[in-house]
Every structure is written in structure tokens, then in C-alpha cells.
């Protein structure tokens, strides 16, 4: 298991916890960090469809950050 996979999962979980406590801004920040780690993982493993998915998730994370400033 790659370090980027572990950190991506950890930050995704942290983001979910923040959202569950109505701390959306911090949740989307954590999701964005998770997306970055997963993009690194997908690039290293050449997972093209996964990279497209992470691109979409990154967009939703950035939108969530913007809407909660």
C-alpha cells in the first residue's frame, strides 16, 4: 500500500468527520488534501479512470471550499 493511498484515505475520513459536525469548510479542505494524495497515487499507478474521478472530486472539493468561505 502506497503512502499516498494511506494519507488520502486518512484525510478523506477526517473530511467526513468534519462534515458530520457541521464544519463544512474544514471538511472540504480535508477532502481536497485527500484528492491531492489520491491524484498522486493514481498517477504513480497509471490509473486513468481513477484520475478522472479524482479530477471530478477535486472540483467538488474546491466548490465546497468556495461556497463555505
N, C-alpha and C. Protein backbone atom coordinates (compact mmCIF):
# COMPACT_ATOMS: atom_id res chain seq x y z
N UNK A 1 0.86 -1.18 0.00
CA UNK A 1 0.00 0.00 0.00
C UNK A 1 0.90 1.24 0.00
N UNK A 2 0.61 2.16 -0.89
CA UNK A 2 1.40 3.38 -1.00
C UNK A 2 1.07 4.37 0.12
N UNK A 3 2.04 5.18 0.48
CA UNK A 3 1.82 6.21 1.49
C UNK A 3 0.72 7.17 1.05
N UNK A 4 0.70 7.51 -0.25
CA UNK A 4 -0.34 8.42 -0.75
C UNK A 4 -1.73 7.81 -0.60
N UNK A 5 -1.84 6.51 -0.72
CA UNK A 5 -3.13 5.83 -0.53
C UNK A 5 -3.57 5.92 0.93
N UNK A 6 -2.62 5.70 1.85
CA UNK A 6 -2.94 5.78 3.27
C UNK A 6 -3.35 7.19 3.67
N UNK A 7 -2.57 8.18 3.23
CA UNK A 7 -2.86 9.57 3.59
C UNK A 7 -4.14 10.06 2.93
N UNK A 8 -4.38 9.64 1.69
CA UNK A 8 -5.62 10.01 1.02
C UNK A 8 -6.84 9.47 1.76
N UNK A 9 -6.74 8.23 2.22
CA UNK A 9 -7.83 7.64 2.99
C UNK A 9 -8.01 8.34 4.32
N UNK A 10 -6.90 8.63 5.00
CA UNK A 10 -6.97 9.31 6.30
C UNK A 10 -7.64 10.68 6.18
N UNK A 11 -7.21 11.48 5.20
CA UNK A 11 -7.80 12.81 5.05
C UNK A 11 -9.25 12.73 4.58
N UNK A 12 -9.60 11.71 3.80
CA UNK A 12 -11.00 11.53 3.43
C UNK A 12 -11.86 11.25 4.64
N UNK A 13 -11.36 10.43 5.56
CA UNK A 13 -12.08 10.14 6.79
C UNK A 13 -12.19 11.39 7.67
N UNK A 14 -11.11 12.14 7.78
CA UNK A 14 -11.14 13.39 8.55
C UNK A 14 -12.17 14.35 7.96
N UNK A 15 -12.22 14.45 6.63
CA UNK A 15 -13.21 15.31 5.98
C UNK A 15 -14.63 14.90 6.30
N UNK A 16 -14.88 13.59 6.30
CA UNK A 16 -16.23 13.10 6.62
C UNK A 16 -16.61 13.43 8.06
N UNK A 17 -15.66 13.32 8.97
CA UNK A 17 -15.93 13.66 10.37
C UNK A 17 -16.25 15.14 10.51
N UNK A 18 -15.45 15.99 9.86
CA UNK A 18 -15.73 17.42 9.91
C UNK A 18 -17.13 17.73 9.37
N UNK A 19 -17.50 17.12 8.25
CA UNK A 19 -18.84 17.37 7.70
C UNK A 19 -19.92 16.91 8.67
N UNK A 20 -19.70 15.80 9.35
CA UNK A 20 -20.72 15.29 10.27
C UNK A 20 -20.92 16.21 11.47
N UNK A 21 -19.92 17.05 11.77
CA UNK A 21 -20.03 18.02 12.86
C UNK A 21 -20.34 19.43 12.35
N UNK A 22 -20.89 19.51 11.14
CA UNK A 22 -21.26 20.79 10.53
C UNK A 22 -20.10 21.77 10.41
N UNK A 23 -18.93 21.25 10.15
CA UNK A 23 -17.74 22.07 9.93
C UNK A 23 -17.32 21.88 8.47
N UNK A 24 -18.23 22.30 7.57
CA UNK A 24 -18.08 22.01 6.15
C UNK A 24 -16.80 22.57 5.55
N UNK A 25 -16.42 23.79 5.91
CA UNK A 25 -15.23 24.39 5.32
C UNK A 25 -14.01 23.50 5.57
N UNK A 26 -13.83 23.06 6.82
CA UNK A 26 -12.68 22.21 7.14
C UNK A 26 -12.82 20.83 6.52
N UNK A 27 -14.05 20.36 6.40
CA UNK A 27 -14.29 19.08 5.75
C UNK A 27 -13.86 19.10 4.30
N UNK A 28 -14.22 20.16 3.59
CA UNK A 28 -13.84 20.25 2.19
C UNK A 28 -12.34 20.48 2.01
N UNK A 29 -11.71 21.16 2.96
CA UNK A 29 -10.25 21.29 2.92
C UNK A 29 -9.61 19.91 3.05
N UNK A 30 -10.10 19.12 4.00
CA UNK A 30 -9.57 17.76 4.18
C UNK A 30 -9.83 16.90 2.94
N UNK A 31 -11.02 17.03 2.36
CA UNK A 31 -11.31 16.29 1.13
C UNK A 31 -10.37 16.71 0.00
N UNK A 32 -10.08 17.99 -0.10
CA UNK A 32 -9.17 18.48 -1.14
C UNK A 32 -7.78 17.87 -0.95
N UNK A 33 -7.29 17.84 0.27
CA UNK A 33 -5.99 17.24 0.55
C UNK A 33 -6.02 15.75 0.20
N UNK A 34 -7.12 15.09 0.54
CA UNK A 34 -7.30 13.69 0.18
C UNK A 34 -7.24 13.50 -1.33
N UNK A 35 -7.91 14.39 -2.06
CA UNK A 35 -7.90 14.32 -3.52
C UNK A 35 -6.49 14.43 -4.07
N UNK A 36 -5.69 15.33 -3.50
CA UNK A 36 -4.32 15.51 -3.98
C UNK A 36 -3.50 14.23 -3.78
N UNK A 37 -3.64 13.61 -2.61
CA UNK A 37 -2.91 12.36 -2.37
C UNK A 37 -3.38 11.26 -3.32
N UNK A 38 -4.68 11.20 -3.58
CA UNK A 38 -5.19 10.17 -4.49
C UNK A 38 -4.79 10.44 -5.94
N UNK A 39 -4.66 11.69 -6.31
CA UNK A 39 -4.15 12.01 -7.65
C UNK A 39 -2.72 11.50 -7.79
N UNK A 40 -1.91 11.72 -6.77
CA UNK A 40 -0.53 11.21 -6.79
C UNK A 40 -0.53 9.69 -6.93
N UNK A 41 -1.37 9.02 -6.16
CA UNK A 41 -1.44 7.57 -6.23
C UNK A 41 -1.88 7.10 -7.62
N UNK A 42 -2.93 7.73 -8.14
CA UNK A 42 -3.43 7.35 -9.46
C UNK A 42 -2.41 7.57 -10.55
N UNK A 43 -1.64 8.65 -10.44
CA UNK A 43 -0.60 8.94 -11.42
C UNK A 43 0.51 7.89 -11.34
N UNK A 44 0.93 7.57 -10.13
CA UNK A 44 2.02 6.61 -9.95
C UNK A 44 1.63 5.22 -10.44
N UNK A 45 0.36 4.86 -10.29
CA UNK A 45 -0.10 3.54 -10.69
C UNK A 45 -0.73 3.53 -12.08
N UNK A 46 -0.74 4.68 -12.74
CA UNK A 46 -1.30 4.82 -14.09
C UNK A 46 -2.77 4.38 -14.15
N UNK A 47 -3.56 4.87 -13.23
CA UNK A 47 -4.99 4.55 -13.16
C UNK A 47 -5.79 5.69 -13.80
N UNK A 48 -5.96 5.63 -15.09
CA UNK A 48 -6.56 6.75 -15.82
C UNK A 48 -7.99 7.06 -15.39
N UNK A 49 -8.84 6.05 -15.28
CA UNK A 49 -10.23 6.30 -14.89
C UNK A 49 -10.29 6.85 -13.47
N UNK A 50 -9.43 6.35 -12.60
CA UNK A 50 -9.37 6.84 -11.23
C UNK A 50 -8.96 8.30 -11.19
N UNK A 51 -8.03 8.68 -12.07
CA UNK A 51 -7.60 10.08 -12.14
C UNK A 51 -8.74 10.98 -12.60
N UNK A 52 -9.55 10.53 -13.55
CA UNK A 52 -10.71 11.31 -13.98
C UNK A 52 -11.68 11.50 -12.82
N UNK A 53 -11.90 10.43 -12.06
CA UNK A 53 -12.79 10.51 -10.90
C UNK A 53 -12.24 11.49 -9.87
N UNK A 54 -10.95 11.42 -9.59
CA UNK A 54 -10.36 12.34 -8.63
C UNK A 54 -10.39 13.77 -9.13
N UNK A 55 -10.31 13.96 -10.44
CA UNK A 55 -10.46 15.30 -11.01
C UNK A 55 -11.84 15.86 -10.71
N UNK A 56 -12.87 15.02 -10.85
CA UNK A 56 -14.23 15.45 -10.55
C UNK A 56 -14.39 15.72 -9.05
N UNK A 57 -13.83 14.85 -8.22
CA UNK A 57 -13.91 15.05 -6.77
C UNK A 57 -13.16 16.31 -6.34
N UNK A 58 -12.03 16.58 -6.99
CA UNK A 58 -11.28 17.80 -6.68
C UNK A 58 -12.11 19.03 -6.99
N UNK A 59 -12.82 19.00 -8.12
CA UNK A 59 -13.70 20.11 -8.48
C UNK A 59 -14.78 20.31 -7.41
N UNK A 60 -15.39 19.20 -6.95
CA UNK A 60 -16.44 19.35 -5.93
C UNK A 60 -15.85 19.84 -4.61
N UNK A 61 -14.64 19.41 -4.28
CA UNK A 61 -13.99 19.90 -3.06
C UNK A 61 -13.72 21.40 -3.14
N UNK A 62 -13.21 21.84 -4.27
CA UNK A 62 -12.93 23.28 -4.44
C UNK A 62 -14.23 24.09 -4.42
N UNK A 63 -15.29 23.54 -5.02
CA UNK A 63 -16.59 24.20 -4.99
C UNK A 63 -17.10 24.30 -3.55
N UNK A 64 -16.95 23.22 -2.78
CA UNK A 64 -17.36 23.23 -1.38
C UNK A 64 -16.59 24.23 -0.56
N UNK A 65 -15.28 24.35 -0.81
CA UNK A 65 -14.46 25.34 -0.11
C UNK A 65 -14.96 26.74 -0.44
N UNK A 66 -15.16 27.00 -1.72
CA UNK A 66 -15.61 28.33 -2.17
C UNK A 66 -16.96 28.68 -1.57
N UNK A 67 -17.87 27.74 -1.54
CA UNK A 67 -19.22 28.01 -1.03
C UNK A 67 -19.29 28.15 0.49
N UNK A 68 -18.22 27.79 1.17
CA UNK A 68 -18.22 27.84 2.64
C UNK A 68 -17.20 28.83 3.20
N UNK A 69 -16.72 29.73 2.37
CA UNK A 69 -15.77 30.74 2.85
C UNK A 69 -16.53 31.75 3.70
